[in-house]
Amino acid sequence: MSEQRTEKTASGQSHVPPPDPSFFRIIESLAVPALIWTGHLRNPLDEKAKPDLELAKYQIGLLEVLEKKTKGNLDKDEEEFFANMLHTTRLAFLRATQAQADQPPVAEGAGEEQPKSNDER
């Protein structure tokens, strides 16, 4: 298990510094939001899974552009990590799309409180 390093700020408060920049972090910074927007991961801000497939598709598209632009320029570990993350995001998107298609359509006005008739008052 790796230890997190802590640093002191100018005001003397402790904080955990961000990880060192790397190609792996770039891929993670693009893949994690895609996984959140597919509902595969919970949003760390509110701990809820709220799929937004349009945003997920856009984020996966960014990964695909980067894949094309880096082809032949990655070492083996980077290439494998990238391929795995791209596969994971695409699979999460596919599953989210299928889950959305399996849900019954929401009827118009569903969830809205209907006004009561005179008989119900």
PDB file of N, CA and C in Angstrom:
ATOM      1  N   MET A   1       0.849  -1.170   0.000  1.00  0.00           N
ATOM      2  CA  MET A   1       0.000   0.000   0.000  1.00  0.00           C
ATOM      3  C   MET A   1       0.892   1.230   0.000  1.00  0.00           C
ATOM      4  N   SER A   2       0.627   2.162  -0.893  1.00  0.00           N
ATOM      5  CA  SER A   2       1.466   3.342  -0.982  1.00  0.00           C
ATOM      6  C   SER A   2       0.964   4.411  -0.027  1.00  0.00           C
ATOM      7  N   GLU A   3       1.892   5.171   0.517  1.00  0.00           N
ATOM      8  CA  GLU A   3       1.540   6.243   1.425  1.00  0.00           C
ATOM      9  C   GLU A   3       1.340   7.518   0.641  1.00  0.00           C
ATOM     10  N   GLN A   4       0.350   8.315   1.057  1.00  0.00           N
ATOM     11  CA  GLN A   4       0.156   9.612   0.439  1.00  0.00           C
ATOM     12  C   GLN A   4       1.083  10.591   1.141  1.00  0.00           C
ATOM     13  N   ARG A   5       1.751  11.391   0.354  1.00  0.00           N
ATOM     14  CA  ARG A   5       2.618  12.389   0.950  1.00  0.00           C
ATOM     15  C   ARG A   5       1.796  13.625   1.271  1.00  0.00           C
ATOM     16  N   THR A   6       2.142  14.281   2.329  1.00  0.00           N
ATOM     17  CA  THR A   6       1.473  15.522   2.692  1.00  0.00           C
ATOM     18  C   THR A   6       2.499  16.635   2.712  1.00  0.00           C
ATOM     19  N   GLU A   7       2.024  17.815   2.445  1.00  0.00           N
ATOM     20  CA  GLU A   7       2.886  18.986   2.457  1.00  0.00           C
ATOM     21  C   GLU A   7       2.228  20.054   3.301  1.00  0.00           C
ATOM     22  N   LYS A   8       3.019  20.984   3.766  1.00  0.00           N
ATOM     23  CA  LYS A   8       2.501  22.128   4.517  1.00  0.00           C
ATOM     24  C   LYS A   8       2.380  23.315   3.573  1.00  0.00           C
ATOM     25  N   THR A   9       1.261  24.017   3.674  1.00  0.00           N
ATOM     26  CA  THR A   9       1.075  25.230   2.885  1.00  0.00           C
ATOM     27  C   THR A   9       1.795  26.377   3.585  1.00  0.00           C
ATOM     28  N   ALA A  10       1.829  27.532   2.942  1.00  0.00           N
ATOM     29  CA  ALA A  10       2.477  28.697   3.530  1.00  0.00           C
ATOM     30  C   ALA A  10       1.846  29.063   4.868  1.00  0.00           C
ATOM     31  N   SER A  11       0.547  28.773   5.016  1.00  0.00           N
ATOM     32  CA  SER A  11      -0.147  29.087   6.271  1.00  0.00           C
ATOM     33  C   SER A  11       0.016  27.989   7.315  1.00  0.00           C
ATOM     34  N   GLY A  12       0.764  26.937   6.978  1.00  0.00           N
ATOM     35  CA  GLY A  12       1.036  25.863   7.928  1.00  0.00           C
ATOM     36  C   GLY A  12       0.024  24.734   7.906  1.00  0.00           C
ATOM     37  N   GLN A  13      -0.963  24.777   7.037  1.00  0.00           N
ATOM     38  CA  GLN A  13      -1.959  23.717   6.948  1.00  0.00           C
ATOM     39  C   GLN A  13      -1.421  22.563   6.113  1.00  0.00           C
ATOM     40  N   SER A  14      -1.821  21.355   6.478  1.00  0.00           N
ATOM     41  CA  SER A  14      -1.414  20.168   5.722  1.00  0.00           C
ATOM     42  C   SER A  14      -2.385  19.938   4.573  1.00  0.00           C
ATOM     43  N   HIS A  15      -1.857  19.481   3.457  1.00  0.00           N
ATOM     44  CA  HIS A  15      -2.695  19.084   2.336  1.00  0.00           C
ATOM     45  C   HIS A  15      -1.953  18.031   1.517  1.00  0.00           C
ATOM     46  N   VAL A  16      -2.727  17.269   0.773  1.00  0.00           N
ATOM     47  CA  VAL A  16      -2.156  16.248  -0.098  1.00  0.00           C
ATOM     48  C   VAL A  16      -1.973  16.885  -1.468  1.00  0.00           C
ATOM     49  N   PRO A  17      -0.747  16.952  -1.958  1.00  0.00           N
ATOM     50  CA  PRO A  17      -0.520  17.566  -3.269  1.00  0.00           C
ATOM     51  C   PRO A  17      -1.050  16.672  -4.383  1.00  0.00           C
ATOM     52  N   PRO A  18      -1.345  17.254  -5.537  1.00  0.00           N
ATOM     53  CA  PRO A  18      -1.807  16.423  -6.657  1.00  0.00           C
ATOM     54  C   PRO A  18      -0.690  15.482  -7.113  1.00  0.00           C
ATOM     55  N   PRO A  19      -1.068  14.386  -7.781  1.00  0.00           N
ATOM     56  CA  PRO A  19      -0.045  13.462  -8.278  1.00  0.00           C
ATOM     57  C   PRO A  19       0.807  14.129  -9.356  1.00  0.00           C
ATOM     58  N   ASP A  20       1.984  13.571  -9.562  1.00  0.00           N
ATOM     59  CA  ASP A  20       2.865  14.092 -10.603  1.00  0.00           C
ATOM     60  C   ASP A  20       2.198  13.941 -11.967  1.00  0.00           C
ATOM     61  N   PRO A  21       2.371  14.927 -12.842  1.00  0.00           N
ATOM     62  CA  PRO A  21       1.791  14.822 -14.179  1.00  0.00           C
ATOM     63  C   PRO A  21       2.388  13.637 -14.947  1.00  0.00           C
ATOM     64  N   SER A  22       1.532  12.946 -15.682  1.00  0.00           N
ATOM     65  CA  SER A  22       1.992  11.833 -16.510  1.00  0.00           C
ATOM     66  C   SER A  22       0.933  11.548 -17.575  1.00  0.00           C
ATOM     67  N   PHE A  23       1.306  10.746 -18.543  1.00  0.00           N
ATOM     68  CA  PHE A  23       0.351  10.358 -19.578  1.00  0.00           C
ATOM     69  C   PHE A  23      -0.820   9.601 -18.957  1.00  0.00           C
ATOM     70  N   PHE A  24      -0.538   8.779 -17.942  1.00  0.00           N
ATOM     71  CA  PHE A  24      -1.587   8.018 -17.277  1.00  0.00           C
ATOM     72  C   PHE A  24      -2.621   8.957 -16.652  1.00  0.00           C
ATOM     73  N   ARG A  25      -2.166  10.047 -16.051  1.00  0.00           N
ATOM     74  CA  ARG A  25      -3.074  11.022 -15.428  1.00  0.00           C
ATOM     75  C   ARG A  25      -3.921  11.736 -16.483  1.00  0.00           C
ATOM     76  N   ILE A  26      -3.347  11.987 -17.650  1.00  0.00           N
ATOM     77  CA  ILE A  26      -4.119  12.615 -18.729  1.00  0.00           C
ATOM     78  C   ILE A  26      -5.278  11.697 -19.128  1.00  0.00           C
ATOM     79  N   ILE A  27      -4.986  10.428 -19.299  1.00  0.00           N
ATOM     80  CA  ILE A  27      -6.022   9.463 -19.684  1.00  0.00           C
ATOM     81  C   ILE A  27      -7.074   9.356 -18.588  1.00  0.00           C
ATOM     82  N   GLU A  28      -6.635   9.272 -17.330  1.00  0.00           N
ATOM     83  CA  GLU A  28      -7.582   9.213 -16.222  1.00  0.00           C
ATOM     84  C   GLU A  28      -8.464  10.460 -16.178  1.00  0.00           C
ATOM     85  N   SER A  29      -7.873  11.622 -16.442  1.00  0.00           N
ATOM     86  CA  SER A  29      -8.645  12.869 -16.370  1.00  0.00           C
ATOM     87  C   SER A  29      -9.714  12.945 -17.456  1.00  0.00           C
ATOM     88  N   LEU A  30      -9.559  12.185 -18.516  1.00  0.00           N
ATOM     89  CA  LEU A  30     -10.577  12.120 -19.560  1.00  0.00           C
ATOM     90  C   LEU A  30     -11.548  10.954 -19.348  1.00  0.00           C
ATOM     91  N   ALA A  31     -11.045   9.845 -18.824  1.00  0.00           N
ATOM     92  CA  ALA A  31     -11.872   8.647 -18.681  1.00  0.00           C
ATOM     93  C   ALA A  31     -12.810   8.703 -17.473  1.00  0.00           C
ATOM     94  N   VAL A  32     -12.344   9.235 -16.361  1.00  0.00           N
ATOM     95  CA  VAL A  32     -13.173   9.237 -15.151  1.00  0.00           C
ATOM     96  C   VAL A  32     -14.469  10.017 -15.348  1.00  0.00           C
ATOM     97  N   PRO A  33     -14.448  11.228 -15.925  1.00  0.00           N
ATOM     98  CA  PRO A  33     -15.735  11.894 -16.172  1.00  0.00           C
ATOM     99  C   PRO A  33     -16.651  11.082 -17.095  1.00  0.00           C
ATOM    100  N   ALA A  34     -16.082  10.419 -18.084  1.00  0.00           N
ATOM    101  CA  ALA A  34     -16.901   9.581 -18.965  1.00  0.00           C
ATOM    102  C   ALA A  34     -17.577   8.473 -18.158  1.00  0.00           C
ATOM    103  N   LEU A  35     -16.860   7.880 -17.218  1.00  0.00           N
ATOM    104  CA  LEU A  35     -17.423   6.819 -16.389  1.00  0.00           C
ATOM    105  C   LEU A  35     -18.472   7.362 -15.422  1.00  0.00           C
ATOM    106  N   ILE A  36     -18.287   8.582 -14.950  1.00  0.00           N
ATOM    107  CA  ILE A  36     -19.297   9.213 -14.097  1.00  0.00           C
ATOM    108  C   ILE A  36     -20.550   9.484 -14.913  1.00  0.00           C
ATOM    109  N   TRP A  37     -20.385  10.019 -16.124  1.00  0.00           N
ATOM    110  CA  TRP A  37     -21.540  10.384 -16.945  1.00  0.00           C
ATOM    111  C   TRP A  37     -22.276   9.181 -17.525  1.00  0.00           C
ATOM    112  N   THR A  38     -21.644   8.013 -17.515  1.00  0.00           N
ATOM    113  CA  THR A  38     -22.376   6.807 -17.910  1.00  0.00           C
ATOM    114  C   THR A  38     -23.120   6.210 -16.719  1.00  0.00           C
ATOM    115  N   GLY A  39     -22.828   6.701 -15.527  1.00  0.00           N
ATOM    116  CA  GLY A  39     -23.416   6.140 -14.317  1.00  0.00           C
ATOM    117  C   GLY A  39     -22.599   4.987 -13.763  1.00  0.00           C
ATOM    118  N   HIS A  40     -21.480   4.668 -14.402  1.00  0.00           N
ATOM    119  CA  HIS A  40     -20.608   3.574 -13.965  1.00  0.00           C
ATOM    120  C   HIS A  40     -19.936   3.917 -12.626  1.00  0.00           C
ATOM    121  N   LEU A  41     -19.615   5.182 -12.437  1.00  0.00           N
ATOM    122  CA  LEU A  41     -19.061   5.681 -11.177  1.00  0.00           C
ATOM    123  C   LEU A  41     -19.999   6.735 -10.617  1.00  0.00           C
ATOM    124  N   ARG A  42     -19.992   6.861  -9.298  1.00  0.00           N
ATOM    125  CA  ARG A  42     -20.796   7.902  -8.667  1.00  0.00           C
ATOM    126  C   ARG A  42     -20.044   9.231  -8.739  1.00  0.00           C
ATOM    127  N   ASN A  43     -20.814  10.293  -8.861  1.00  0.00           N
ATOM    128  CA  ASN A  43     -20.228  11.625  -8.859  1.00  0.00           C
ATOM    129  C   ASN A  43     -19.657  11.884  -7.465  1.00  0.00           C
ATOM    130  N   PRO A  44     -18.376  12.206  -7.343  1.00  0.00           N
ATOM    131  CA  PRO A  44     -17.786  12.393  -6.020  1.00  0.00           C
ATOM    132  C   PRO A  44     -18.339  13.607  -5.278  1.00  0.00           C
ATOM    133  N   LEU A  45     -18.987  14.521  -5.982  1.00  0.00           N
ATOM    134  CA  LEU A  45     -19.524  15.715  -5.327  1.00  0.00           C
ATOM    135  C   LEU A  45     -20.809  15.428  -4.559  1.00  0.00           C
ATOM    136  N   ASP A  46     -21.661  14.560  -5.103  1.00  0.00           N
ATOM    137  CA  ASP A  46     -22.924  14.283  -4.416  1.00  0.00           C
ATOM    138  C   ASP A  46     -23.168  12.782  -4.187  1.00  0.00           C
ATOM    139  N   GLU A  47     -22.194  11.952  -4.549  1.00  0.00           N
ATOM    140  CA  GLU A  47     -22.272  10.495  -4.356  1.00  0.00           C
ATOM    141  C   GLU A  47     -23.465   9.854  -5.073  1.00  0.00           C
ATOM    142  N   LYS A  48     -23.926  10.479  -6.154  1.00  0.00           N
ATOM    143  CA  LYS A  48     -25.039   9.923  -6.915  1.00  0.00           C
ATOM    144  C   LYS A  48     -24.576   9.560  -8.320  1.00  0.00           C
ATOM    145  N   ALA A  49     -25.224   8.559  -8.883  1.00  0.00           N
ATOM    146  CA  ALA A  49     -24.963   8.184 -10.275  1.00  0.00           C
ATOM    147  C   ALA A  49     -26.058   8.813 -11.118  1.00  0.00           C
ATOM    148  N   LYS A  50     -25.694   9.824 -11.891  1.00  0.00           N
ATOM    149  CA  LYS A  50     -26.659  10.519 -12.745  1.00  0.00           C
ATOM    150  C   LYS A  50     -26.133  10.495 -14.175  1.00  0.00           C
ATOM    151  N   PRO A  51     -26.538   9.507 -14.954  1.00  0.00           N
ATOM    152  CA  PRO A  51     -26.025   9.420 -16.325  1.00  0.00           C
ATOM    153  C   PRO A  51     -26.397  10.621 -17.192  1.00  0.00           C
ATOM    154  N   ASP A  52     -25.443  11.034 -17.985  1.00  0.00           N
ATOM    155  CA  ASP A  52     -25.659  12.030 -19.043  1.00  0.00           C
ATOM    156  C   ASP A  52     -24.900  11.481 -20.244  1.00  0.00           C
ATOM    157  N   LEU A  53     -25.610  10.716 -21.062  1.00  0.00           N
ATOM    158  CA  LEU A  53     -24.954   9.978 -22.142  1.00  0.00           C
ATOM    159  C   LEU A  53     -24.381  10.881 -23.214  1.00  0.00           C
ATOM    160  N   GLU A  54     -24.944  12.050 -23.396  1.00  0.00           N
ATOM    161  CA  GLU A  54     -24.394  12.985 -24.378  1.00  0.00           C
ATOM    162  C   GLU A  54     -22.999  13.460 -23.940  1.00  0.00           C
ATOM    163  N   LEU A  55     -22.859  13.793 -22.664  1.00  0.00           N
ATOM    164  CA  LEU A  55     -21.542  14.205 -22.157  1.00  0.00           C
ATOM    165  C   LEU A  55     -20.559  13.031 -22.152  1.00  0.00           C
ATOM    166  N   ALA A  56     -21.046  11.840 -21.807  1.00  0.00           N
ATOM    167  CA  ALA A  56     -20.186  10.655 -21.810  1.00  0.00           C
ATOM    168  C   ALA A  56     -19.653  10.391 -23.214  1.00  0.00           C
ATOM    169  N   LYS A  57     -20.535  10.487 -24.206  1.00  0.00           N
ATOM    170  CA  LYS A  57     -20.132  10.254 -25.600  1.00  0.00           C
ATOM    171  C   LYS A  57     -19.078  11.273 -26.031  1.00  0.00           C
ATOM    172  N   TYR A  58     -19.257  12.521 -25.646  1.00  0.00           N
ATOM    173  CA  TYR A  58     -18.284  13.565 -25.972  1.00  0.00           C
ATOM    174  C   TYR A  58     -16.920  13.250 -25.347  1.00  0.00           C
ATOM    175  N   GLN A  59     -16.932  12.860 -24.076  1.00  0.00           N
ATOM    176  CA  GLN A  59     -15.680  12.570 -23.377  1.00  0.00           C
ATOM    177  C   GLN A  59     -14.968  11.373 -24.005  1.00  0.00           C
ATOM    178  N   ILE A  60     -15.719  10.357 -24.389  1.00  0.00           N
ATOM    179  CA  ILE A  60     -15.133   9.192 -25.067  1.00  0.00           C
ATOM    180  C   ILE A  60     -14.583   9.617 -26.421  1.00  0.00           C
ATOM    181  N   GLY A  61     -15.264  10.523 -27.090  1.00  0.00           N
ATOM    182  CA  GLY A  61     -14.761  11.064 -28.355  1.00  0.00           C
ATOM    183  C   GLY A  61     -13.416  11.741 -28.189  1.00  0.00           C
ATOM    184  N   LEU A  62     -13.233  12.461 -27.078  1.00  0.00           N
ATOM    185  CA  LEU A  62     -11.930  13.082 -26.803  1.00  0.00           C
ATOM    186  C   LEU A  62     -10.846  12.025 -26.644  1.00  0.00           C
ATOM    187  N   LEU A  63     -11.174  10.948 -25.946  1.00  0.00           N
ATOM    188  CA  LEU A  63     -10.215   9.843 -25.806  1.00  0.00           C
ATOM    189  C   LEU A  63      -9.869   9.244 -27.167  1.00  0.00           C
ATOM    190  N   GLU A  64     -10.854   9.113 -28.033  1.00  0.00           N
ATOM    191  CA  GLU A  64     -10.615   8.544 -29.364  1.00  0.00           C
ATOM    192  C   GLU A  64      -9.728   9.452 -30.214  1.00  0.00           C
ATOM    193  N   VAL A  65      -9.901  10.761 -30.099  1.00  0.00           N
ATOM    194  CA  VAL A  65      -9.028  11.698 -30.812  1.00  0.00           C
ATOM    195  C   VAL A  65      -7.596  11.534 -30.314  1.00  0.00           C
ATOM    196  N   LEU A  66      -7.436  11.470 -29.008  1.00  0.00           N
ATOM    197  CA  LEU A  66      -6.103  11.310 -28.425  1.00  0.00           C
ATOM    198  C   LEU A  66      -5.485   9.978 -28.846  1.00  0.00           C
ATOM    199  N   GLU A  67      -6.315   8.942 -28.942  1.00  0.00           N
ATOM    200  CA  GLU A  67      -5.816   7.632 -29.388  1.00  0.00           C
ATOM    201  C   GLU A  67      -5.222   7.736 -30.795  1.00  0.00           C
ATOM    202  N   LYS A  68      -5.924   8.410 -31.686  1.00  0.00           N
ATOM    203  CA  LYS A  68      -5.438   8.560 -33.065  1.00  0.00           C
ATOM    204  C   LYS A  68      -4.153   9.381 -33.115  1.00  0.00           C
ATOM    205  N   LYS A  69      -4.102  10.430 -32.316  1.00  0.00           N
ATOM    206  CA  LYS A  69      -2.951  11.343 -32.344  1.00  0.00           C
ATOM    207  C   LYS A  69      -1.699  10.750 -31.696  1.00  0.00           C
ATOM    208  N   THR A  70      -1.874   9.773 -30.812  1.00  0.00           N
ATOM    209  CA  THR A  70      -0.717   9.196 -30.121  1.00  0.00           C
ATOM    210  C   THR A  70      -0.317   7.831 -30.676  1.00  0.00           C
ATOM    211  N   LYS A  71      -1.038   7.345 -31.675  1.00  0.00           N
ATOM    212  CA  LYS A  71      -0.757   6.012 -32.226  1.00  0.00           C
ATOM    213  C   LYS A  71       0.717   5.906 -32.651  1.00  0.00           C
ATOM    214  N   GLY A  72       1.387   4.887 -32.144  1.00  0.00           N
ATOM    215  CA  GLY A  72       2.788   4.644 -32.472  1.00  0.00           C
ATOM    216  C   GLY A  72       3.774   5.450 -31.633  1.00  0.00           C
ATOM    217  N   ASN A  73       3.271   6.277 -30.710  1.00  0.00           N
ATOM    218  CA  ASN A  73       4.159   7.111 -29.894  1.00  0.00           C
ATOM    219  C   ASN A  73       4.125   6.781 -28.407  1.00  0.00           C
ATOM    220  N   LEU A  74       3.495   5.680 -28.042  1.00  0.00           N
ATOM    221  CA  LEU A  74       3.375   5.308 -26.640  1.00  0.00           C
ATOM    222  C   LEU A  74       4.235   4.095 -26.334  1.00  0.00           C
ATOM    223  N   ASP A  75       4.696   4.023 -25.072  1.00  0.00           N
ATOM    224  CA  ASP A  75       5.389   2.795 -24.690  1.00  0.00           C
ATOM    225  C   ASP A  75       4.333   1.727 -24.388  1.00  0.00           C
ATOM    226  N   LYS A  76       4.775   0.507 -24.152  1.00  0.00           N
ATOM    227  CA  LYS A  76       3.851  -0.619 -24.000  1.00  0.00           C
ATOM    228  C   LYS A  76       2.877  -0.402 -22.840  1.00  0.00           C
ATOM    229  N   ASP A  77       3.365   0.055 -21.698  1.00  0.00           N
ATOM    230  CA  ASP A  77       2.495   0.267 -20.537  1.00  0.00           C
ATOM    231  C   ASP A  77       1.445   1.340 -20.815  1.00  0.00           C
ATOM    232  N   GLU A  78       1.860   2.421 -21.445  1.00  0.00           N
ATOM    233  CA  GLU A  78       0.922   3.491 -21.775  1.00  0.00           C
ATOM    234  C   GLU A  78      -0.138   3.012 -22.761  1.00  0.00           C
ATOM    235  N   GLU A  79       0.309   2.279 -23.761  1.00  0.00           N
ATOM    236  CA  GLU A  79      -0.605   1.769 -24.781  1.00  0.00           C
ATOM    237  C   GLU A  79      -1.642   0.826 -24.172  1.00  0.00           C
ATOM    238  N   GLU A  80      -1.198  -0.084 -23.304  1.00  0.00           N
ATOM    239  CA  GLU A  80      -2.111  -1.033 -22.668  1.00  0.00           C
ATOM    240  C   GLU A  80      -3.092  -0.317 -21.746  1.00  0.00           C
ATOM    241  N   PHE A  81      -2.591   0.632 -20.965  1.00  0.00           N
ATOM    242  CA  PHE A  81      -3.455   1.382 -20.057  1.00  0.00           C
ATOM    243  C   PHE A  81      -4.508   2.152 -20.841  1.00  0.00           C
ATOM    244  N   PHE A  82      -4.071   2.813 -21.900  1.00  0.00           N
ATOM    245  CA  PHE A  82      -4.978   3.594 -22.736  1.00  0.00           C
ATOM    246  C   PHE A  82      -6.041   2.689 -23.355  1.00  0.00           C
ATOM    247  N   ALA A  83      -5.624   1.566 -23.919  1.00  0.00           N
ATOM    248  CA  ALA A  83      -6.567   0.633 -24.546  1.00  0.00           C
ATOM    249  C   ALA A  83      -7.580   0.118 -23.528  1.00  0.00           C
ATOM    250  N   ASN A  84      -7.122  -0.202 -22.324  1.00  0.00           N
ATOM    251  CA  ASN A  84      -8.025  -0.692 -21.280  1.00  0.00           C
ATOM    252  C   ASN A  84      -9.025   0.382 -20.848  1.00  0.00           C
ATOM    253  N   MET A  85      -8.563   1.608 -20.674  1.00  0.00           N
ATOM    254  CA  MET A  85      -9.455   2.691 -20.257  1.00  0.00           C
ATOM    255  C   MET A  85     -10.469   2.997 -21.356  1.00  0.00           C
ATOM    256  N   LEU A  86     -10.027   2.985 -22.599  1.00  0.00           N
ATOM    257  CA  LEU A  86     -10.950   3.246 -23.703  1.00  0.00           C
ATOM    258  C   LEU A  86     -11.993   2.134 -23.800  1.00  0.00           C
ATOM    259  N   HIS A  87     -11.552   0.900 -23.642  1.00  0.00           N
ATOM    260  CA  HIS A  87     -12.483  -0.237 -23.652  1.00  0.00           C
ATOM    261  C   HIS A  87     -13.491  -0.113 -22.503  1.00  0.00           C
ATOM    262  N   THR A  88     -13.015   0.225 -21.320  1.00  0.00           N
ATOM    263  CA  THR A  88     -13.877   0.352 -20.142  1.00  0.00           C
ATOM    264  C   THR A  88     -14.924   1.441 -20.333  1.00  0.00           C
ATOM    265  N   THR A  89     -14.514   2.591 -20.872  1.00  0.00           N
ATOM    266  CA  THR A  89     -15.469   3.684 -21.070  1.00  0.00           C
ATOM    267  C   THR A  89     -16.491   3.334 -22.153  1.00  0.00           C
ATOM    268  N   ARG A  90     -16.040   2.696 -23.212  1.00  0.00           N
ATOM    269  CA  ARG A  90     -16.976   2.305 -24.279  1.00  0.00           C
ATOM    270  C   ARG A  90     -17.986   1.276 -23.781  1.00  0.00           C
ATOM    271  N   LEU A  91     -17.512   0.307 -22.995  1.00  0.00           N
ATOM    272  CA  LEU A  91     -18.397  -0.721 -22.457  1.00  0.00           C
ATOM    273  C   LEU A  91     -19.399  -0.096 -21.480  1.00  0.00           C
ATOM    274  N   ALA A  92     -18.942   0.827 -20.642  1.00  0.00           N
ATOM    275  CA  ALA A  92     -19.847   1.512 -19.710  1.00  0.00           C
ATOM    276  C   ALA A  92     -20.898   2.302 -20.481  1.00  0.00           C
ATOM    277  N   PHE A  93     -20.493   2.945 -21.575  1.00  0.00           N
ATOM    278  CA  PHE A  93     -21.441   3.698 -22.400  1.00  0.00           C
ATOM    279  C   PHE A  93     -22.468   2.760 -23.028  1.00  0.00           C
ATOM    280  N   LEU A  94     -22.011   1.637 -23.552  1.00  0.00           N
ATOM    281  CA  LEU A  94     -22.915   0.658 -24.161  1.00  0.00           C
ATOM    282  C   LEU A  94     -23.930   0.155 -23.142  1.00  0.00           C
ATOM    283  N   ARG A  95     -23.452  -0.194 -21.954  1.00  0.00           N
ATOM    284  CA  ARG A  95     -24.354  -0.689 -20.905  1.00  0.00           C
ATOM    285  C   ARG A  95     -25.356   0.388 -20.483  1.00  0.00           C
ATOM    286  N   ALA A  96     -24.896   1.622 -20.355  1.00  0.00           N
ATOM    287  CA  ALA A  96     -25.794   2.713 -19.963  1.00  0.00           C
ATOM    288  C   ALA A  96     -26.841   2.962 -21.047  1.00  0.00           C
ATOM    289  N   THR A  97     -26.428   2.883 -22.296  1.00  0.00           N
ATOM    290  CA  THR A  97     -27.357   3.073 -23.409  1.00  0.00           C
ATOM    291  C   THR A  97     -28.407   1.969 -23.413  1.00  0.00           C
ATOM    292  N   GLN A  98     -27.968   0.727 -23.190  1.00  0.00           N
ATOM    293  CA  GLN A  98     -28.907  -0.400 -23.149  1.00  0.00           C
ATOM    294  C   GLN A  98     -29.857  -0.277 -21.958  1.00  0.00           C
ATOM    295  N   ALA A  99     -29.340   0.131 -20.811  1.00  0.00           N
ATOM    296  CA  ALA A  99     -30.181   0.290 -19.625  1.00  0.00           C
ATOM    297  C   ALA A  99     -31.232   1.374 -19.853  1.00  0.00           C
ATOM    298  N   GLN A 100     -30.829   2.438 -20.513  1.00  0.00           N
ATOM    299  CA  GLN A 100     -31.765   3.526 -20.800  1.00  0.00           C
ATOM    300  C   GLN A 100     -32.850   3.053 -21.779  1.00  0.00           C
ATOM    301  N   ALA A 101     -32.463   2.251 -22.756  1.00  0.00           N
ATOM    302  CA  ALA A 101     -33.430   1.737 -23.730  1.00  0.00           C
ATOM    303  C   ALA A 101     -34.405   0.758 -23.089  1.00  0.00           C
ATOM    304  N   ASP A 102     -33.966   0.051 -22.035  1.00  0.00           N
ATOM    305  CA  ASP A 102     -34.815  -0.928 -21.356  1.00  0.00           C
ATOM    306  C   ASP A 102     -35.829  -0.283 -20.418  1.00  0.00           C
ATOM    307  N   GLN A 103     -35.634   0.990 -20.079  1.00  0.00           N
ATOM    308  CA  GLN A 103     -36.565   1.660 -19.174  1.00  0.00           C
ATOM    309  C   GLN A 103     -37.832   2.049 -19.925  1.00  0.00           C
ATOM    310  N   PRO A 104     -38.985   1.878 -19.274  1.00  0.00           N
ATOM    311  CA  PRO A 104     -40.225   2.284 -19.934  1.00  0.00           C
ATOM    312  C   PRO A 104     -40.241   3.801 -20.096  1.00  0.00           C
ATOM    313  N   PRO A 105     -40.852   4.273 -21.173  1.00  0.00           N
ATOM    314  CA  PRO A 105     -40.899   5.719 -21.373  1.00  0.00           C
ATOM    315  C   PRO A 105     -41.698   6.387 -20.263  1.00  0.00           C
ATOM    316  N   VAL A 106     -41.274   7.580 -19.885  1.00  0.00           N
ATOM    317  CA  VAL A 106     -41.963   8.330 -18.850  1.00  0.00           C
ATOM    318  C   VAL A 106     -43.159   9.020 -19.487  1.00  0.00           C
ATOM    319  N   ALA A 107     -44.326   8.784 -18.925  1.00  0.00           N
ATOM    320  CA  ALA A 107     -45.547   9.395 -19.457  1.00  0.00           C
ATOM    321  C   ALA A 107     -45.503  10.899 -19.226  1.00  0.00           C
ATOM    322  N   GLU A 108     -46.095  11.633 -20.140  1.00  0.00           N
ATOM    323  CA  GLU A 108     -46.125  13.079 -20.023  1.00  0.00           C
ATOM    324  C   GLU A 108     -46.858  13.457 -18.751  1.00  0.00           C
ATOM    325  N   GLY A 109     -46.260  14.338 -17.967  1.00  0.00           N
ATOM    326  CA  GLY A 109     -46.879  14.777 -16.729  1.00  0.00           C
ATOM    327  C   GLY A 109     -46.655  13.828 -15.576  1.00  0.00           C
ATOM    328  N   ALA A 110     -45.906  12.750 -15.788  1.00  0.00           N
ATOM    329  CA  ALA A 110     -45.644  11.807 -14.707  1.00  0.00           C
ATOM    330  C   ALA A 110     -44.841  12.491 -13.620  1.00  0.00           C
ATOM    331  N   GLY A 111     -45.220  12.239 -12.411  1.00  0.00           N
ATOM    332  CA  GLY A 111     -44.505  12.818 -11.284  1.00  0.00           C
ATOM    333  C   GLY A 111     -45.024  14.192 -10.895  1.00  0.00           C
ATOM    334  N   GLU A 112     -45.871  14.781 -11.725  1.00  0.00           N
ATOM    335  CA  GLU A 112     -46.439  16.076 -11.394  1.00  0.00           C
ATOM    336  C   GLU A 112     -47.714  15.854 -10.604  1.00  0.00           C
ATOM    337  N   GLU A 113     -47.942  16.699  -9.625  1.00  0.00           N
ATOM    338  CA  GLU A 113     -49.156  16.572  -8.840  1.00  0.00           C
ATOM    339  C   GLU A 113     -50.319  17.086  -9.664  1.00  0.00           C
ATOM    340  N   GLN A 114     -51.344  16.281  -9.762  1.00  0.00           N
ATOM    341  CA  GLN A 114     -52.526  16.644 -10.517  1.00  0.00           C
ATOM    342  C   GLN A 114     -53.449  17.474  -9.637  1.00  0.00           C
ATOM    343  N   PRO A 115     -54.098  18.499 -10.200  1.00  0.00           N
ATOM    344  CA  PRO A 115     -55.034  19.274  -9.401  1.00  0.00           C
ATOM    345  C   PRO A 115     -56.204  18.406  -8.971  1.00  0.00           C
ATOM    346  N   LYS A 116     -56.656  18.632  -7.748  1.00  0.00           N
ATOM    347  CA  LYS A 116     -57.769  17.834  -7.221  1.00  0.00           C
ATOM    348  C   LYS A 116     -59.093  18.364  -7.747  1.00  0.00           C
ATOM    349  N   SER A 117     -59.991  17.433  -8.016  1.00  0.00           N
ATOM    350  CA  SER A 117     -61.323  17.839  -8.459  1.00  0.00           C
ATOM    351  C   SER A 117     -62.114  18.322  -7.250  1.00  0.00           C
ATOM    352  N   ASN A 118     -63.255  18.916  -7.487  1.00  0.00           N
ATOM    353  CA  ASN A 118     -64.092  19.394  -6.398  1.00  0.00           C
ATOM    354  C   ASN A 118     -64.533  18.253  -5.501  1.00  0.00           C
ATOM    355  N   ASP A 119     -64.697  17.052  -6.054  1.00  0.00           N
ATOM    356  CA  ASP A 119     -65.147  15.903  -5.267  1.00  0.00           C
ATOM    357  C   ASP A 119     -64.090  15.458  -4.271  1.00  0.00           C
ATOM    358  N   GLU A 120     -62.789  15.670  -4.586  1.00  0.00           N
ATOM    359  CA  GLU A 120     -61.686  15.194  -3.743  1.00  0.00           C
ATOM    360  C   GLU A 120     -61.333  16.210  -2.667  1.00  0.00           C
ATOM    361  N   ARG A 121     -61.829  17.420  -2.753  1.00  0.00           N
ATOM    362  CA  ARG A 121     -61.451  18.474  -1.791  1.00  0.00           C
ATOM    363  C   ARG A 121     -62.200  18.353  -0.527  1.00  0.00           C
TER     364      ARG A 121
END
